[in-house]
Structure formats: C-alpha cells, structure tokens
Amino acid sequence: MFKIDPSRLDVAKEFKARPFGEHSPELQYVLNYMRTRQTSQFEVLVMTEPGKRWVLGFMPTGGGVPKLTNQTFDRLEDAEWHVFKLRWKHITGHDLPIE
C-alpha cells in the first residue's frame, strides 16, 4: 500500500512550483493517492466566477451537493495549493512547513 512520506517536502515543493502539467513519477503517485483516497468528505474547488474566483467546498462521499466554505481564491494555483496542503495534513497527520 502506498503511503505519503511527510519528510518528502521535495514532492510538495514540486507541486507548488508547477501544479499543472506533467509531474515527476513521485509527485504523480502522491496526487493519484490524494485524489482517490477513501474519506467521508472530499475537498473540491467550485468556480463561482468563470476564470476569476474559486471557493473551497467539501463533497460528501457518494456525491451530492458540496458544502461550500467562505474560503475564496482569485488564482487557481493558490486554490490548488491550499487543497494540496489540506490533503497532505489529512493523510500524513503533518502540516506542510511550506507557504
């Protein structure tokens, strides 16, 4: 079973530097695990203004309507980084010491 090593900050730094596009095999494994893990609710980003604003939400397992938070983002890169950090903490139990 694959586990994320919380000391592999290089993988997190790679994602922060380039959240979109091709990734190293190590980062791709991490992303695949983060995006397919079993959890009671899943972090999602909901675009509220096309190409301008995203809101963090939580999708219940099994689907339905996401519960939106008041956390908004004006850049998709910032939103993706925020979700990456949330998932990292949830899975590893450790905060990412990278802003």
N, C-alpha and C. Protein backbone atom coordinates (compact mmCIF):
# COMPACT_ATOMS: atom_id res chain seq x y z
N MET A 1 0.85 -1.19 0.00
CA MET A 1 0.00 0.00 0.00
C MET A 1 0.88 1.24 0.00
N PHE A 2 0.55 2.18 -0.82
CA PHE A 2 1.31 3.42 -0.94
C PHE A 2 1.01 4.34 0.24
N LYS A 3 2.05 4.96 0.78
CA LYS A 3 1.89 5.96 1.83
C LYS A 3 2.70 7.17 1.46
N ILE A 4 2.22 8.33 1.87
CA ILE A 4 2.95 9.56 1.61
C ILE A 4 3.93 9.77 2.75
N ASP A 5 5.19 9.93 2.41
CA ASP A 5 6.23 10.20 3.40
C ASP A 5 6.23 11.69 3.69
N PRO A 6 5.86 12.10 4.93
CA PRO A 6 5.77 13.53 5.23
C PRO A 6 7.11 14.27 5.18
N SER A 7 8.21 13.53 5.12
CA SER A 7 9.52 14.20 5.01
C SER A 7 9.88 14.51 3.55
N ARG A 8 9.08 14.06 2.59
CA ARG A 8 9.35 14.29 1.17
C ARG A 8 8.84 15.65 0.74
N LEU A 9 9.42 16.69 1.33
CA LEU A 9 9.00 18.05 1.01
C LEU A 9 9.33 18.42 -0.43
N ASP A 10 10.28 17.71 -1.04
CA ASP A 10 10.61 17.98 -2.44
C ASP A 10 9.40 17.76 -3.34
N VAL A 11 8.58 16.79 -3.00
CA VAL A 11 7.38 16.50 -3.80
C VAL A 11 6.39 17.65 -3.66
N ALA A 12 6.21 18.14 -2.44
CA ALA A 12 5.30 19.27 -2.21
C ALA A 12 5.81 20.52 -2.91
N LYS A 13 7.11 20.76 -2.83
CA LYS A 13 7.69 21.93 -3.50
C LYS A 13 7.51 21.85 -5.01
N GLU A 14 7.63 20.66 -5.55
CA GLU A 14 7.43 20.49 -6.99
C GLU A 14 5.99 20.85 -7.37
N PHE A 15 5.02 20.39 -6.57
CA PHE A 15 3.63 20.72 -6.87
C PHE A 15 3.38 22.21 -6.77
N LYS A 16 3.92 22.84 -5.73
CA LYS A 16 3.71 24.28 -5.57
C LYS A 16 4.29 25.05 -6.76
N ALA A 17 5.46 24.65 -7.21
CA ALA A 17 6.11 25.34 -8.32
C ALA A 17 5.36 25.13 -9.64
N ARG A 18 4.74 23.96 -9.78
CA ARG A 18 4.05 23.67 -11.04
C ARG A 18 2.86 22.75 -10.77
N PRO A 19 1.73 23.33 -10.36
CA PRO A 19 0.57 22.50 -10.04
C PRO A 19 -0.09 21.86 -11.26
N PHE A 20 0.16 22.39 -12.43
CA PHE A 20 -0.47 21.87 -13.65
C PHE A 20 0.59 21.34 -14.60
N GLY A 21 0.21 20.39 -15.42
CA GLY A 21 1.14 19.86 -16.40
C GLY A 21 1.74 18.54 -15.95
N GLU A 22 2.83 18.18 -16.60
CA GLU A 22 3.48 16.91 -16.31
C GLU A 22 4.25 16.99 -14.99
N HIS A 23 4.19 15.90 -14.22
CA HIS A 23 4.87 15.84 -12.93
C HIS A 23 5.83 14.65 -12.90
N SER A 24 6.73 14.70 -11.94
CA SER A 24 7.63 13.56 -11.73
C SER A 24 6.79 12.35 -11.31
N PRO A 25 7.32 11.14 -11.51
CA PRO A 25 6.56 9.95 -11.08
C PRO A 25 6.21 9.99 -9.59
N GLU A 26 7.12 10.47 -8.77
CA GLU A 26 6.86 10.52 -7.32
C GLU A 26 5.67 11.44 -7.01
N LEU A 27 5.64 12.62 -7.61
CA LEU A 27 4.53 13.54 -7.37
C LEU A 27 3.25 12.97 -7.95
N GLN A 28 3.31 12.35 -9.11
CA GLN A 28 2.10 11.78 -9.70
C GLN A 28 1.50 10.71 -8.81
N TYR A 29 2.35 9.88 -8.17
CA TYR A 29 1.85 8.88 -7.22
C TYR A 29 1.12 9.56 -6.07
N VAL A 30 1.72 10.62 -5.53
CA VAL A 30 1.11 11.35 -4.42
C VAL A 30 -0.24 11.92 -4.85
N LEU A 31 -0.29 12.57 -6.00
CA LEU A 31 -1.54 13.17 -6.47
C LEU A 31 -2.61 12.10 -6.72
N ASN A 32 -2.22 11.00 -7.33
CA ASN A 32 -3.19 9.92 -7.56
C ASN A 32 -3.76 9.42 -6.24
N TYR A 33 -2.91 9.25 -5.25
CA TYR A 33 -3.37 8.79 -3.94
C TYR A 33 -4.29 9.82 -3.30
N MET A 34 -3.89 11.08 -3.33
CA MET A 34 -4.71 12.13 -2.73
C MET A 34 -6.08 12.21 -3.38
N ARG A 35 -6.14 12.00 -4.67
CA ARG A 35 -7.39 12.18 -5.42
C ARG A 35 -8.29 10.96 -5.40
N THR A 36 -7.78 9.82 -4.93
CA THR A 36 -8.60 8.61 -4.96
C THR A 36 -8.78 7.98 -3.58
N ARG A 37 -8.28 8.59 -2.54
CA ARG A 37 -8.38 8.00 -1.20
C ARG A 37 -9.83 7.97 -0.73
N GLN A 38 -10.09 7.06 0.18
CA GLN A 38 -11.42 6.94 0.78
C GLN A 38 -11.51 7.89 1.97
N THR A 39 -12.52 8.72 1.99
CA THR A 39 -12.71 9.69 3.07
C THR A 39 -14.19 10.03 3.18
N SER A 40 -14.59 10.57 4.31
CA SER A 40 -16.01 10.89 4.50
C SER A 40 -16.44 12.12 3.70
N GLN A 41 -15.49 12.98 3.40
CA GLN A 41 -15.77 14.13 2.54
C GLN A 41 -14.51 14.47 1.77
N PHE A 42 -14.69 15.00 0.60
CA PHE A 42 -13.58 15.24 -0.30
C PHE A 42 -13.50 16.72 -0.63
N GLU A 43 -12.31 17.28 -0.57
CA GLU A 43 -12.13 18.70 -0.87
C GLU A 43 -12.34 18.94 -2.37
N VAL A 44 -13.09 19.97 -2.68
CA VAL A 44 -13.34 20.35 -4.07
C VAL A 44 -13.20 21.86 -4.22
N LEU A 45 -12.95 22.29 -5.43
CA LEU A 45 -12.92 23.71 -5.75
C LEU A 45 -14.08 23.99 -6.70
N VAL A 46 -14.88 24.97 -6.34
CA VAL A 46 -16.04 25.32 -7.14
C VAL A 46 -15.79 26.71 -7.74
N MET A 47 -15.85 26.80 -9.07
CA MET A 47 -15.66 28.08 -9.74
C MET A 47 -16.95 28.88 -9.63
N THR A 48 -16.88 30.03 -9.00
CA THR A 48 -18.08 30.86 -8.83
C THR A 48 -18.12 32.01 -9.82
N GLU A 49 -16.96 32.40 -10.34
CA GLU A 49 -16.88 33.38 -11.42
C GLU A 49 -15.91 32.81 -12.44
N PRO A 50 -16.37 32.57 -13.66
CA PRO A 50 -15.53 31.90 -14.65
C PRO A 50 -14.13 32.51 -14.79
N GLY A 51 -13.15 31.68 -14.46
CA GLY A 51 -11.75 32.08 -14.59
C GLY A 51 -11.28 33.13 -13.60
N LYS A 52 -12.12 33.49 -12.61
CA LYS A 52 -11.76 34.58 -11.70
C LYS A 52 -11.83 34.22 -10.22
N ARG A 53 -12.74 33.34 -9.84
CA ARG A 53 -12.92 33.08 -8.41
C ARG A 53 -13.32 31.63 -8.18
N TRP A 54 -12.67 31.03 -7.16
CA TRP A 54 -12.94 29.67 -6.76
C TRP A 54 -13.24 29.65 -5.27
N VAL A 55 -14.11 28.73 -4.86
CA VAL A 55 -14.48 28.58 -3.46
C VAL A 55 -14.16 27.14 -3.04
N LEU A 56 -13.60 26.99 -1.85
CA LEU A 56 -13.33 25.67 -1.31
C LEU A 56 -14.65 25.07 -0.83
N GLY A 57 -14.86 23.83 -1.18
CA GLY A 57 -16.03 23.11 -0.72
C GLY A 57 -15.65 21.70 -0.33
N PHE A 58 -16.60 21.02 0.29
CA PHE A 58 -16.40 19.63 0.69
C PHE A 58 -17.55 18.81 0.14
N MET A 59 -17.20 17.80 -0.64
CA MET A 59 -18.18 16.92 -1.27
C MET A 59 -18.36 15.69 -0.40
N PRO A 60 -19.60 15.38 -0.02
CA PRO A 60 -19.81 14.17 0.78
C PRO A 60 -19.53 12.92 -0.05
N THR A 61 -19.10 11.86 0.63
CA THR A 61 -18.88 10.59 -0.05
C THR A 61 -20.18 10.14 -0.69
N GLY A 62 -20.09 9.66 -1.88
CA GLY A 62 -21.28 9.21 -2.58
C GLY A 62 -21.92 10.29 -3.44
N GLY A 63 -21.34 11.49 -3.41
CA GLY A 63 -21.87 12.55 -4.26
C GLY A 63 -22.82 13.48 -3.53
N GLY A 64 -23.59 14.17 -4.30
CA GLY A 64 -24.50 15.15 -3.73
C GLY A 64 -24.02 16.55 -4.04
N VAL A 65 -24.38 17.46 -3.20
CA VAL A 65 -24.03 18.87 -3.39
C VAL A 65 -22.90 19.21 -2.42
N PRO A 66 -21.84 19.86 -2.92
CA PRO A 66 -20.75 20.21 -2.00
C PRO A 66 -21.19 21.28 -1.00
N LYS A 67 -20.65 21.17 0.19
CA LYS A 67 -20.87 22.20 1.21
C LYS A 67 -19.75 23.22 1.03
N LEU A 68 -20.12 24.44 0.66
CA LEU A 68 -19.13 25.47 0.40
C LEU A 68 -18.70 26.15 1.68
N THR A 69 -17.44 26.57 1.71
CA THR A 69 -16.89 27.33 2.82
C THR A 69 -16.86 28.80 2.43
N ASN A 70 -16.32 29.63 3.29
CA ASN A 70 -16.15 31.04 2.94
C ASN A 70 -14.72 31.31 2.45
N GLN A 71 -13.95 30.26 2.21
CA GLN A 71 -12.57 30.38 1.72
C GLN A 71 -12.60 30.56 0.20
N THR A 72 -12.20 31.73 -0.29
CA THR A 72 -12.21 32.00 -1.72
C THR A 72 -10.80 32.25 -2.22
N PHE A 73 -10.63 32.08 -3.53
CA PHE A 73 -9.33 32.24 -4.18
C PHE A 73 -9.52 32.97 -5.49
N ASP A 74 -8.60 33.88 -5.78
CA ASP A 74 -8.63 34.61 -7.04
C ASP A 74 -7.70 34.00 -8.08
N ARG A 75 -6.88 33.06 -7.65
CA ARG A 75 -5.97 32.36 -8.57
C ARG A 75 -6.14 30.86 -8.36
N LEU A 76 -6.31 30.13 -9.44
CA LEU A 76 -6.49 28.69 -9.35
C LEU A 76 -5.26 28.02 -8.73
N GLU A 77 -4.08 28.55 -9.02
CA GLU A 77 -2.85 27.97 -8.45
C GLU A 77 -2.88 28.03 -6.92
N ASP A 78 -3.35 29.15 -6.37
CA ASP A 78 -3.44 29.29 -4.92
C ASP A 78 -4.48 28.32 -4.34
N ALA A 79 -5.58 28.17 -5.05
CA ALA A 79 -6.63 27.25 -4.59
C ALA A 79 -6.13 25.81 -4.59
N GLU A 80 -5.44 25.41 -5.65
CA GLU A 80 -4.91 24.05 -5.74
C GLU A 80 -3.87 23.80 -4.65
N TRP A 81 -3.03 24.78 -4.36
CA TRP A 81 -2.02 24.64 -3.31
C TRP A 81 -2.70 24.47 -1.96
N HIS A 82 -3.75 25.23 -1.71
CA HIS A 82 -4.47 25.13 -0.45
C HIS A 82 -5.06 23.72 -0.27
N VAL A 83 -5.67 23.20 -1.31
CA VAL A 83 -6.24 21.86 -1.24
C VAL A 83 -5.14 20.82 -1.06
N PHE A 84 -4.03 20.99 -1.74
CA PHE A 84 -2.90 20.06 -1.59
C PHE A 84 -2.46 20.02 -0.13
N LYS A 85 -2.34 21.19 0.50
CA LYS A 85 -1.92 21.24 1.91
C LYS A 85 -2.95 20.60 2.82
N LEU A 86 -4.23 20.81 2.56
CA LEU A 86 -5.27 20.17 3.37
C LEU A 86 -5.19 18.64 3.27
N ARG A 87 -5.04 18.16 2.05
CA ARG A 87 -4.97 16.71 1.85
C ARG A 87 -3.71 16.13 2.46
N TRP A 88 -2.60 16.84 2.34
CA TRP A 88 -1.33 16.39 2.92
C TRP A 88 -1.50 16.19 4.43
N LYS A 89 -2.07 17.19 5.09
CA LYS A 89 -2.26 17.11 6.55
C LYS A 89 -3.21 15.98 6.90
N HIS A 90 -4.29 15.85 6.17
CA HIS A 90 -5.27 14.81 6.45
C HIS A 90 -4.65 13.42 6.32
N ILE A 91 -3.83 13.23 5.30
CA ILE A 91 -3.26 11.91 5.03
C ILE A 91 -2.06 11.61 5.92
N THR A 92 -1.16 12.58 6.08
CA THR A 92 0.08 12.32 6.82
C THR A 92 -0.01 12.66 8.30
N GLY A 93 -0.96 13.54 8.65
CA GLY A 93 -1.03 14.00 10.04
C GLY A 93 -0.06 15.13 10.34
N HIS A 94 0.61 15.64 9.30
CA HIS A 94 1.61 16.70 9.46
C HIS A 94 1.26 17.90 8.60
N ASP A 95 1.42 19.09 9.17
CA ASP A 95 1.30 20.31 8.37
C ASP A 95 2.47 20.40 7.42
N LEU A 96 2.25 21.01 6.27
CA LEU A 96 3.36 21.30 5.35
C LEU A 96 4.04 22.58 5.81
N PRO A 97 5.34 22.55 6.09
CA PRO A 97 6.03 23.76 6.52
C PRO A 97 6.47 24.64 5.35
N ILE A 98 5.64 24.68 4.32
CA ILE A 98 5.93 25.46 3.11
C ILE A 98 4.75 26.40 2.88
N GLU A 99 5.02 27.66 2.73
CA GLU A 99 3.93 28.60 2.42
C GLU A 99 3.98 28.83 0.96
